[in-house]
Amino acid sequence: MQTKLIVGWVAIFLAGLAGLSSAAAQTGSVAIVVNEKNPVNNLSVPELRKLFAGEKHTWAGGLPVKIFVRAPGANERVVMLKLLGMSESEYKRYWAGQVYRGEAQAEPVGLFSNGMQREAVVLYPGAVALVNVQDVKLGMKVVKVNGHMPADTGYPF
């Protein structure tokens, strides 16, 4: 019984990755990922800005948002900063202000490796992160951005 369940989950995971071509992986595309249990399937760029700026605190159904970002210098962090229209120092000041005003408890968790980021997304049901396409693993769900997957023409990241 367990073998059939595992095979089923692997099939679901591989089907979910079918839209991520090797071309997307070769270009270094960054995917928006959430925990596989999160019902969200598509986000607009403005919605992503709100998420990564800490302006959206819950997903539909009340699930708390948990933002995970890569450490300074990582490609995913660079993409996030472009999304927010901030430099690294502006990002630090922004979050310091959020915490000072009581609008946030802390800056989003910065993770130093792709492995740590994968584990965090799998562990937290409300997790959201930017991940290099080739690092998407079981337990993560790639979310469309403006209706496009990372391999699609028109994908913004």
Protein backbone atom coordinates (compact mmCIF):
# COMPACT_ATOMS: atom_id res chain seq x y z
CA MET A 1 0.00 0.00 0.00
CA GLN A 2 2.77 2.45 0.92
CA THR A 3 4.61 1.68 -2.32
CA LYS A 4 1.52 2.57 -4.36
CA LEU A 5 1.11 5.81 -2.38
CA ILE A 6 4.75 6.79 -2.95
CA VAL A 7 4.54 5.94 -6.65
CA GLY A 8 1.38 8.04 -6.85
CA TRP A 9 3.06 11.05 -5.22
CA VAL A 10 6.06 10.74 -7.54
CA ALA A 11 3.73 10.64 -10.55
CA ILE A 12 1.92 13.77 -9.33
CA PHE A 13 5.25 15.53 -8.76
CA LEU A 14 6.58 14.62 -12.21
CA ALA A 15 3.33 15.71 -13.84
CA GLY A 16 3.64 19.06 -12.08
CA LEU A 17 7.15 19.48 -13.43
CA ALA A 18 6.10 18.62 -16.97
CA GLY A 19 5.56 22.31 -17.71
CA LEU A 20 9.12 23.13 -16.66
CA SER A 21 11.18 22.38 -19.75
CA SER A 22 14.91 21.88 -19.74
CA ALA A 23 15.10 25.20 -21.60
CA ALA A 24 13.76 26.97 -18.50
CA ALA A 25 16.29 25.17 -16.31
CA GLN A 26 19.14 26.07 -18.67
CA THR A 27 18.25 29.78 -18.67
CA GLY A 28 18.36 29.97 -14.87
CA SER A 29 14.69 30.83 -14.57
CA VAL A 30 13.43 31.46 -11.07
CA ALA A 31 10.16 29.81 -10.09
CA ILE A 32 7.71 31.01 -7.48
CA VAL A 33 7.05 28.02 -5.24
CA VAL A 34 4.68 27.29 -2.40
CA ASN A 35 4.06 24.25 -0.24
CA GLU A 36 2.21 21.60 -2.25
CA LYS A 37 -0.81 21.88 0.10
CA ASN A 38 -1.32 25.58 -0.69
CA PRO A 39 -4.34 25.98 -3.00
CA VAL A 40 -2.89 28.96 -4.93
CA ASN A 41 -2.05 28.19 -8.56
CA ASN A 42 -1.51 31.62 -10.11
CA LEU A 43 -0.28 34.98 -8.84
CA SER A 44 0.08 38.31 -10.58
CA VAL A 45 3.28 40.34 -10.33
CA PRO A 46 1.51 42.94 -8.11
CA GLU A 47 0.33 40.12 -5.80
CA LEU A 48 3.91 38.83 -5.60
CA ARG A 49 5.16 42.30 -4.70
CA LYS A 50 2.64 42.44 -1.86
CA LEU A 51 3.67 38.97 -0.66
CA PHE A 52 7.41 39.65 -0.65
CA ALA A 53 6.90 43.13 0.84
CA GLY A 54 5.03 41.56 3.75
CA GLU A 55 1.78 43.34 2.89
CA LYS A 56 -0.19 40.11 2.47
CA HIS A 57 -0.30 38.12 5.70
CA THR A 58 -2.59 35.20 4.86
CA TRP A 59 -3.46 33.00 1.93
CA ALA A 60 -7.06 32.26 0.98
CA GLY A 61 -8.61 30.28 3.81
CA GLY A 62 -6.55 32.06 6.47
CA LEU A 63 -3.29 30.12 6.11
CA PRO A 64 -0.47 32.41 7.37
CA VAL A 65 2.09 33.46 4.75
CA LYS A 66 5.70 32.52 5.57
CA ILE A 67 8.25 34.20 3.31
CA PHE A 68 11.60 32.54 2.68
CA VAL A 69 14.33 34.39 0.80
CA ARG A 70 17.87 33.52 -0.18
CA ALA A 71 20.85 35.21 1.43
CA PRO A 72 22.32 38.36 -0.13
CA GLY A 73 24.11 37.71 -3.41
CA ALA A 74 22.04 34.67 -4.43
CA ASN A 75 20.32 34.82 -7.82
CA GLU A 76 16.89 34.34 -6.25
CA ARG A 77 17.52 37.31 -3.93
CA VAL A 78 18.52 39.49 -6.89
CA VAL A 79 15.26 38.57 -8.64
CA MET A 80 13.27 39.39 -5.48
CA LEU A 81 14.97 42.77 -5.12
CA LYS A 82 14.14 43.58 -8.76
CA LEU A 83 10.53 42.54 -8.13
CA LEU A 84 10.38 44.93 -5.17
CA GLY A 85 12.34 47.67 -6.94
CA MET A 86 14.83 47.88 -4.07
CA SER A 87 18.55 47.64 -3.50
CA GLU A 88 19.86 45.39 -0.74
CA SER A 89 20.30 48.35 1.62
CA GLU A 90 16.79 49.66 0.83
CA TYR A 91 15.41 46.19 1.52
CA LYS A 92 17.14 46.06 4.93
CA ARG A 93 15.87 49.56 5.82
CA TYR A 94 12.35 48.68 4.63
CA TRP A 95 12.15 45.65 6.92
CA ALA A 96 13.76 47.46 9.83
CA GLY A 97 10.98 50.06 9.47
CA GLN A 98 8.32 47.37 9.27
CA VAL A 99 9.55 45.82 12.50
CA TYR A 100 9.98 49.20 14.25
CA ARG A 101 6.39 50.22 13.42
CA GLY A 102 5.06 46.83 14.54
CA GLU A 103 3.88 45.94 11.04
CA ALA A 104 6.08 42.82 11.03
CA GLN A 105 7.69 40.73 13.72
CA ALA A 106 10.89 40.23 11.75
CA GLU A 107 12.47 40.40 8.32
CA PRO A 108 11.72 37.30 6.19
CA VAL A 109 13.95 34.36 6.94
CA GLY A 110 17.11 34.44 4.80
CA LEU A 111 18.41 31.00 3.91
CA PHE A 112 21.95 30.30 2.77
CA SER A 113 21.42 27.27 0.54
CA ASN A 114 18.98 25.84 -1.94
CA GLY A 115 18.62 22.78 0.27
CA MET A 116 17.57 24.89 3.26
CA GLN A 117 15.04 26.71 1.11
CA ARG A 118 13.57 23.45 -0.22
CA GLU A 119 13.24 22.06 3.30
CA ALA A 120 11.54 25.25 4.54
CA VAL A 121 8.97 25.28 1.74
CA VAL A 122 8.15 21.61 2.30
CA LEU A 123 7.92 22.09 6.08
CA TYR A 124 5.71 25.22 6.27
CA PRO A 125 2.22 24.98 4.67
CA GLY A 126 2.09 28.78 4.12
CA ALA A 127 5.59 29.04 2.65
CA VAL A 128 6.43 31.06 -0.45
CA ALA A 129 9.87 31.38 -2.02
CA LEU A 130 11.75 32.10 -5.22
CA VAL A 131 13.70 29.02 -6.29
CA ASN A 132 15.88 28.29 -9.31
CA VAL A 133 13.84 26.02 -11.57
CA GLN A 134 16.34 23.15 -11.40
CA ASP A 135 15.99 23.16 -7.58
CA VAL A 136 12.22 22.49 -7.52
CA LYS A 137 11.64 19.27 -5.60
CA LEU A 138 8.89 17.04 -4.24
CA GLY A 139 6.71 18.95 -1.76
CA MET A 140 6.97 22.23 -3.69
CA LYS A 141 4.36 23.54 -6.08
CA VAL A 142 5.35 25.91 -8.88
CA VAL A 143 2.88 28.77 -9.15
CA LYS A 144 2.07 30.44 -12.45
CA VAL A 145 2.91 34.14 -12.65
CA ASN A 146 0.44 36.16 -14.74
CA GLY A 147 -0.77 32.81 -16.11
CA HIS A 148 2.70 31.66 -17.23
CA MET A 149 4.99 28.88 -16.03
CA PRO A 150 8.80 29.40 -16.03
CA ALA A 151 9.21 27.69 -19.42
CA ASP A 152 6.55 29.86 -21.09
CA THR A 153 7.18 32.91 -23.23
CA GLY A 154 6.14 35.94 -21.21
CA TYR A 155 7.21 34.52 -17.85
CA PRO A 156 8.60 37.54 -15.94
CA PHE A 157 11.44 35.84 -14.05
